[in-house]
PDB file of N, CA and C in Angstrom:
ATOM      1  N   MET A   1       2.224   1.699  -4.730  1.00  0.00           N
ATOM      2  CA  MET A   1       2.318   1.460  -3.293  1.00  0.00           C
ATOM      3  C   MET A   1       3.778   1.110  -2.962  1.00  0.00           C
ATOM      4  N   VAL A   2       4.187   1.532  -1.793  1.00  0.00           N
ATOM      5  CA  VAL A   2       5.539   1.245  -1.307  1.00  0.00           C
ATOM      6  C   VAL A   2       5.423   0.358  -0.074  1.00  0.00           C
ATOM      7  N   TYR A   3       6.251  -0.654  -0.013  1.00  0.00           N
ATOM      8  CA  TYR A   3       6.297  -1.563   1.135  1.00  0.00           C
ATOM      9  C   TYR A   3       7.667  -1.444   1.778  1.00  0.00           C
ATOM     10  N   VAL A   4       7.684  -1.408   3.118  1.00  0.00           N
ATOM     11  CA  VAL A   4       8.921  -1.196   3.861  1.00  0.00           C
ATOM     12  C   VAL A   4       9.252  -2.438   4.680  1.00  0.00           C
ATOM     13  N   CYS A   5      10.515  -2.871   4.612  1.00  0.00           N
ATOM     14  CA  CYS A   5      10.990  -3.969   5.446  1.00  0.00           C
ATOM     15  C   CYS A   5      11.078  -3.466   6.880  1.00  0.00           C
ATOM     16  N   THR A   6      10.375  -4.132   7.775  1.00  0.00           N
ATOM     17  CA  THR A   6      10.351  -3.698   9.172  1.00  0.00           C
ATOM     18  C   THR A   6      11.652  -4.048   9.902  1.00  0.00           C
ATOM     19  N   ILE A   7      12.509  -4.834   9.276  1.00  0.00           N
ATOM     20  CA  ILE A   7      13.777  -5.216   9.885  1.00  0.00           C
ATOM     21  C   ILE A   7      14.860  -4.166   9.595  1.00  0.00           C
ATOM     22  N   CYS A   8      15.001  -3.792   8.309  1.00  0.00           N
ATOM     23  CA  CYS A   8      16.116  -2.912   7.940  1.00  0.00           C
ATOM     24  C   CYS A   8      15.705  -1.591   7.300  1.00  0.00           C
ATOM     25  N   GLY A   9      14.434  -1.454   6.938  1.00  0.00           N
ATOM     26  CA  GLY A   9      13.973  -0.205   6.350  1.00  0.00           C
ATOM     27  C   GLY A   9      14.031  -0.143   4.833  1.00  0.00           C
ATOM     28  N   TYR A  10      14.458  -1.226   4.170  1.00  0.00           N
ATOM     29  CA  TYR A  10      14.462  -1.262   2.698  1.00  0.00           C
ATOM     30  C   TYR A  10      13.047  -1.009   2.191  1.00  0.00           C
ATOM     31  N   GLU A  11      12.930  -0.207   1.126  1.00  0.00           N
ATOM     32  CA  GLU A  11      11.620   0.091   0.559  1.00  0.00           C
ATOM     33  C   GLU A  11      11.477  -0.558  -0.803  1.00  0.00           C
ATOM     34  N   TYR A  12      10.402  -1.339  -0.973  1.00  0.00           N
ATOM     35  CA  TYR A  12      10.055  -1.906  -2.277  1.00  0.00           C
ATOM     36  C   TYR A  12       8.939  -1.049  -2.855  1.00  0.00           C
ATOM     37  N   ASP A  13       9.244  -0.375  -3.953  1.00  0.00           N
ATOM     38  CA  ASP A  13       8.279   0.495  -4.623  1.00  0.00           C
ATOM     39  C   ASP A  13       7.756  -0.247  -5.846  1.00  0.00           C
ATOM     40  N   GLU A  14       6.439  -0.524  -5.864  1.00  0.00           N
ATOM     41  CA  GLU A  14       5.858  -1.268  -6.973  1.00  0.00           C
ATOM     42  C   GLU A  14       6.085  -0.575  -8.313  1.00  0.00           C
ATOM     43  N   ALA A  15       6.111   0.754  -8.323  1.00  0.00           N
ATOM     44  CA  ALA A  15       6.304   1.500  -9.570  1.00  0.00           C
ATOM     45  C   ALA A  15       7.710   1.312 -10.130  1.00  0.00           C
ATOM     46  N   VAL A  16       8.677   1.040  -9.258  1.00  0.00           N
ATOM     47  CA  VAL A  16      10.072   0.890  -9.668  1.00  0.00           C
ATOM     48  C   VAL A  16      10.458  -0.579  -9.805  1.00  0.00           C
ATOM     49  N   GLY A  17       9.872  -1.448  -8.987  1.00  0.00           N
ATOM     50  CA  GLY A  17      10.262  -2.850  -8.969  1.00  0.00           C
ATOM     51  C   GLY A  17      11.624  -3.002  -8.312  1.00  0.00           C
ATOM     52  N   ASP A  18      12.336  -4.032  -8.674  1.00  0.00           N
ATOM     53  CA  ASP A  18      13.690  -4.268  -8.167  1.00  0.00           C
ATOM     54  C   ASP A  18      14.519  -4.821  -9.325  1.00  0.00           C
ATOM     55  N   PRO A  19      14.828  -3.931 -10.299  1.00  0.00           N
ATOM     56  CA  PRO A  19      15.498  -4.413 -11.510  1.00  0.00           C
ATOM     57  C   PRO A  19      16.828  -5.112 -11.258  1.00  0.00           C
ATOM     58  N   ASP A  20      17.520  -4.744 -10.182  1.00  0.00           N
ATOM     59  CA  ASP A  20      18.793  -5.404  -9.869  1.00  0.00           C
ATOM     60  C   ASP A  20      18.604  -6.875  -9.544  1.00  0.00           C
ATOM     61  N   ASN A  21      17.382  -7.238  -9.135  1.00  0.00           N
ATOM     62  CA  ASN A  21      17.084  -8.628  -8.778  1.00  0.00           C
ATOM     63  C   ASN A  21      16.051  -9.258  -9.716  1.00  0.00           C
ATOM     64  N   GLY A  22      15.905  -8.670 -10.907  1.00  0.00           N
ATOM     65  CA  GLY A  22      15.061  -9.270 -11.933  1.00  0.00           C
ATOM     66  C   GLY A  22      13.569  -9.041 -11.764  1.00  0.00           C
ATOM     67  N   ILE A  23      13.179  -8.053 -10.962  1.00  0.00           N
ATOM     68  CA  ILE A  23      11.755  -7.771 -10.761  1.00  0.00           C
ATOM     69  C   ILE A  23      11.432  -6.479 -11.508  1.00  0.00           C
ATOM     70  N   PRO A  24      10.637  -6.585 -12.589  1.00  0.00           N
ATOM     71  CA  PRO A  24      10.381  -5.403 -13.422  1.00  0.00           C
ATOM     72  C   PRO A  24       9.495  -4.366 -12.734  1.00  0.00           C
ATOM     73  N   ALA A  25       9.627  -3.124 -13.194  1.00  0.00           N
ATOM     74  CA  ALA A  25       8.783  -2.035 -12.697  1.00  0.00           C
ATOM     75  C   ALA A  25       7.320  -2.406 -12.912  1.00  0.00           C
ATOM     76  N   GLY A  26       6.473  -2.014 -11.962  1.00  0.00           N
ATOM     77  CA  GLY A  26       5.052  -2.291 -12.058  1.00  0.00           C
ATOM     78  C   GLY A  26       4.634  -3.602 -11.417  1.00  0.00           C
ATOM     79  N   THR A  27       5.579  -4.361 -10.858  1.00  0.00           N
ATOM     80  CA  THR A  27       5.251  -5.636 -10.225  1.00  0.00           C
ATOM     81  C   THR A  27       4.636  -5.382  -8.847  1.00  0.00           C
ATOM     82  N   LYS A  28       3.393  -5.808  -8.674  1.00  0.00           N
ATOM     83  CA  LYS A  28       2.702  -5.647  -7.390  1.00  0.00           C
ATOM     84  C   LYS A  28       3.382  -6.491  -6.320  1.00  0.00           C
ATOM     85  N   PHE A  29       3.383  -5.993  -5.095  1.00  0.00           N
ATOM     86  CA  PHE A  29       4.001  -6.723  -3.990  1.00  0.00           C
ATOM     87  C   PHE A  29       3.378  -8.111  -3.853  1.00  0.00           C
ATOM     88  N   GLU A  30       2.053  -8.177  -4.004  1.00  0.00           N
ATOM     89  CA  GLU A  30       1.346  -9.460  -3.876  1.00  0.00           C
ATOM     90  C   GLU A  30       1.778 -10.459  -4.942  1.00  0.00           C
ATOM     91  N   ALA A  31       2.282  -9.946  -6.070  1.00  0.00           N
ATOM     92  CA  ALA A  31       2.689 -10.817  -7.177  1.00  0.00           C
ATOM     93  C   ALA A  31       4.130 -11.319  -7.032  1.00  0.00           C
ATOM     94  N   LEU A  32       4.860 -10.796  -6.055  1.00  0.00           N
ATOM     95  CA  LEU A  32       6.228 -11.291  -5.849  1.00  0.00           C
ATOM     96  C   LEU A  32       6.183 -12.751  -5.420  1.00  0.00           C
ATOM     97  N   PRO A  33       7.187 -13.528  -5.772  1.00  0.00           N
ATOM     98  CA  PRO A  33       7.191 -14.938  -5.369  1.00  0.00           C
ATOM     99  C   PRO A  33       7.141 -15.078  -3.843  1.00  0.00           C
ATOM    100  N   GLU A  34       6.561 -16.162  -3.378  1.00  0.00           N
ATOM    101  CA  GLU A  34       6.450 -16.385  -1.934  1.00  0.00           C
ATOM    102  C   GLU A  34       7.809 -16.450  -1.252  1.00  0.00           C
ATOM    103  N   ASP A  35       8.840 -16.831  -2.011  1.00  0.00           N
ATOM    104  CA  ASP A  35      10.178 -16.924  -1.419  1.00  0.00           C
ATOM    105  C   ASP A  35      10.966 -15.618  -1.585  1.00  0.00           C
ATOM    106  N   PHE A  36      10.273 -14.533  -1.981  1.00  0.00           N
ATOM    107  CA  PHE A  36      10.933 -13.227  -2.086  1.00  0.00           C
ATOM    108  C   PHE A  36      11.543 -12.870  -0.740  1.00  0.00           C
ATOM    109  N   ALA A  37      12.771 -12.364  -0.781  1.00  0.00           N
ATOM    110  CA  ALA A  37      13.456 -11.934   0.436  1.00  0.00           C
ATOM    111  C   ALA A  37      13.989 -10.525   0.235  1.00  0.00           C
ATOM    112  N   CYS A  38      14.013  -9.781   1.296  1.00  0.00           N
ATOM    113  CA  CYS A  38      14.571  -8.437   1.264  1.00  0.00           C
ATOM    114  C   CYS A  38      15.995  -8.519   0.718  1.00  0.00           C
ATOM    115  N   PRO A  39      16.320  -7.723  -0.320  1.00  0.00           N
ATOM    116  CA  PRO A  39      17.668  -7.800  -0.893  1.00  0.00           C
ATOM    117  C   PRO A  39      18.754  -7.239   0.026  1.00  0.00           C
ATOM    118  N   VAL A  40      18.371  -6.556   1.089  1.00  0.00           N
ATOM    119  CA  VAL A  40      19.354  -5.986   2.010  1.00  0.00           C
ATOM    120  C   VAL A  40      19.625  -6.928   3.180  1.00  0.00           C
ATOM    121  N   CYS A  41      18.547  -7.399   3.849  1.00  0.00           N
ATOM    122  CA  CYS A  41      18.748  -8.188   5.068  1.00  0.00           C
ATOM    123  C   CYS A  41      18.251  -9.632   4.978  1.00  0.00           C
ATOM    124  N   GLY A  42      17.542  -9.970   3.887  1.00  0.00           N
ATOM    125  CA  GLY A  42      17.097 -11.343   3.704  1.00  0.00           C
ATOM    126  C   GLY A  42      15.779 -11.692   4.380  1.00  0.00           C
ATOM    127  N   ALA A  43      15.091 -10.698   4.958  1.00  0.00           N
ATOM    128  CA  ALA A  43      13.800 -10.959   5.613  1.00  0.00           C
ATOM    129  C   ALA A  43      12.755 -11.366   4.577  1.00  0.00           C
ATOM    130  N   GLY A  44      11.798 -12.184   4.994  1.00  0.00           N
ATOM    131  CA  GLY A  44      10.740 -12.648   4.103  1.00  0.00           C
ATOM    132  C   GLY A  44       9.656 -11.611   3.885  1.00  0.00           C
ATOM    133  N   LYS A  45       8.731 -11.937   2.957  1.00  0.00           N
ATOM    134  CA  LYS A  45       7.641 -11.017   2.626  1.00  0.00           C
ATOM    135  C   LYS A  45       6.825 -10.628   3.843  1.00  0.00           C
ATOM    136  N   ASP A  46       6.725 -11.523   4.825  1.00  0.00           N
ATOM    137  CA  ASP A  46       5.904 -11.243   6.005  1.00  0.00           C
ATOM    138  C   ASP A  46       6.522 -10.164   6.902  1.00  0.00           C
ATOM    139  N   SER A  47       7.744  -9.749   6.587  1.00  0.00           N
ATOM    140  CA  SER A  47       8.408  -8.684   7.358  1.00  0.00           C
ATOM    141  C   SER A  47       8.198  -7.302   6.734  1.00  0.00           C
ATOM    142  N   PHE A  48       7.404  -7.230   5.682  1.00  0.00           N
ATOM    143  CA  PHE A  48       7.141  -5.963   5.002  1.00  0.00           C
ATOM    144  C   PHE A  48       5.768  -5.422   5.390  1.00  0.00           C
ATOM    145  N   GLU A  49       5.686  -4.097   5.469  1.00  0.00           N
ATOM    146  CA  GLU A  49       4.420  -3.426   5.747  1.00  0.00           C
ATOM    147  C   GLU A  49       4.221  -2.335   4.713  1.00  0.00           C
ATOM    148  N   ALA A  50       2.949  -2.107   4.354  1.00  0.00           N
ATOM    149  CA  ALA A  50       2.626  -1.026   3.420  1.00  0.00           C
ATOM    150  C   ALA A  50       2.961   0.307   4.081  1.00  0.00           C
ATOM    151  N   LYS A  51       3.569   1.180   3.305  1.00  0.00           N
ATOM    152  CA  LYS A  51       3.928   2.505   3.807  1.00  0.00           C
ATOM    153  C   LYS A  51       2.739   3.444   3.620  1.00  0.00           C
ATOM    154  N   GLU A  52       2.389   4.140   4.669  1.00  0.00           N
ATOM    155  CA  GLU A  52       1.252   5.070   4.608  1.00  0.00           C
ATOM    156  C   GLU A  52       1.622   6.324   3.851  1.00  0.00           C
TER     157      GLU A  52
END
């Protein structure tokens, strides 16, 4: 599943993770820490929506 930041358009792909920020491939969005922030604009998890 891919989640998109509604503020800046950054895409978090669970299959890829975010290795630049220490999040391994396969990490589910729900499993990200509550203080996870968009690496581009700093928006919180509540600013992300599942991509259809």
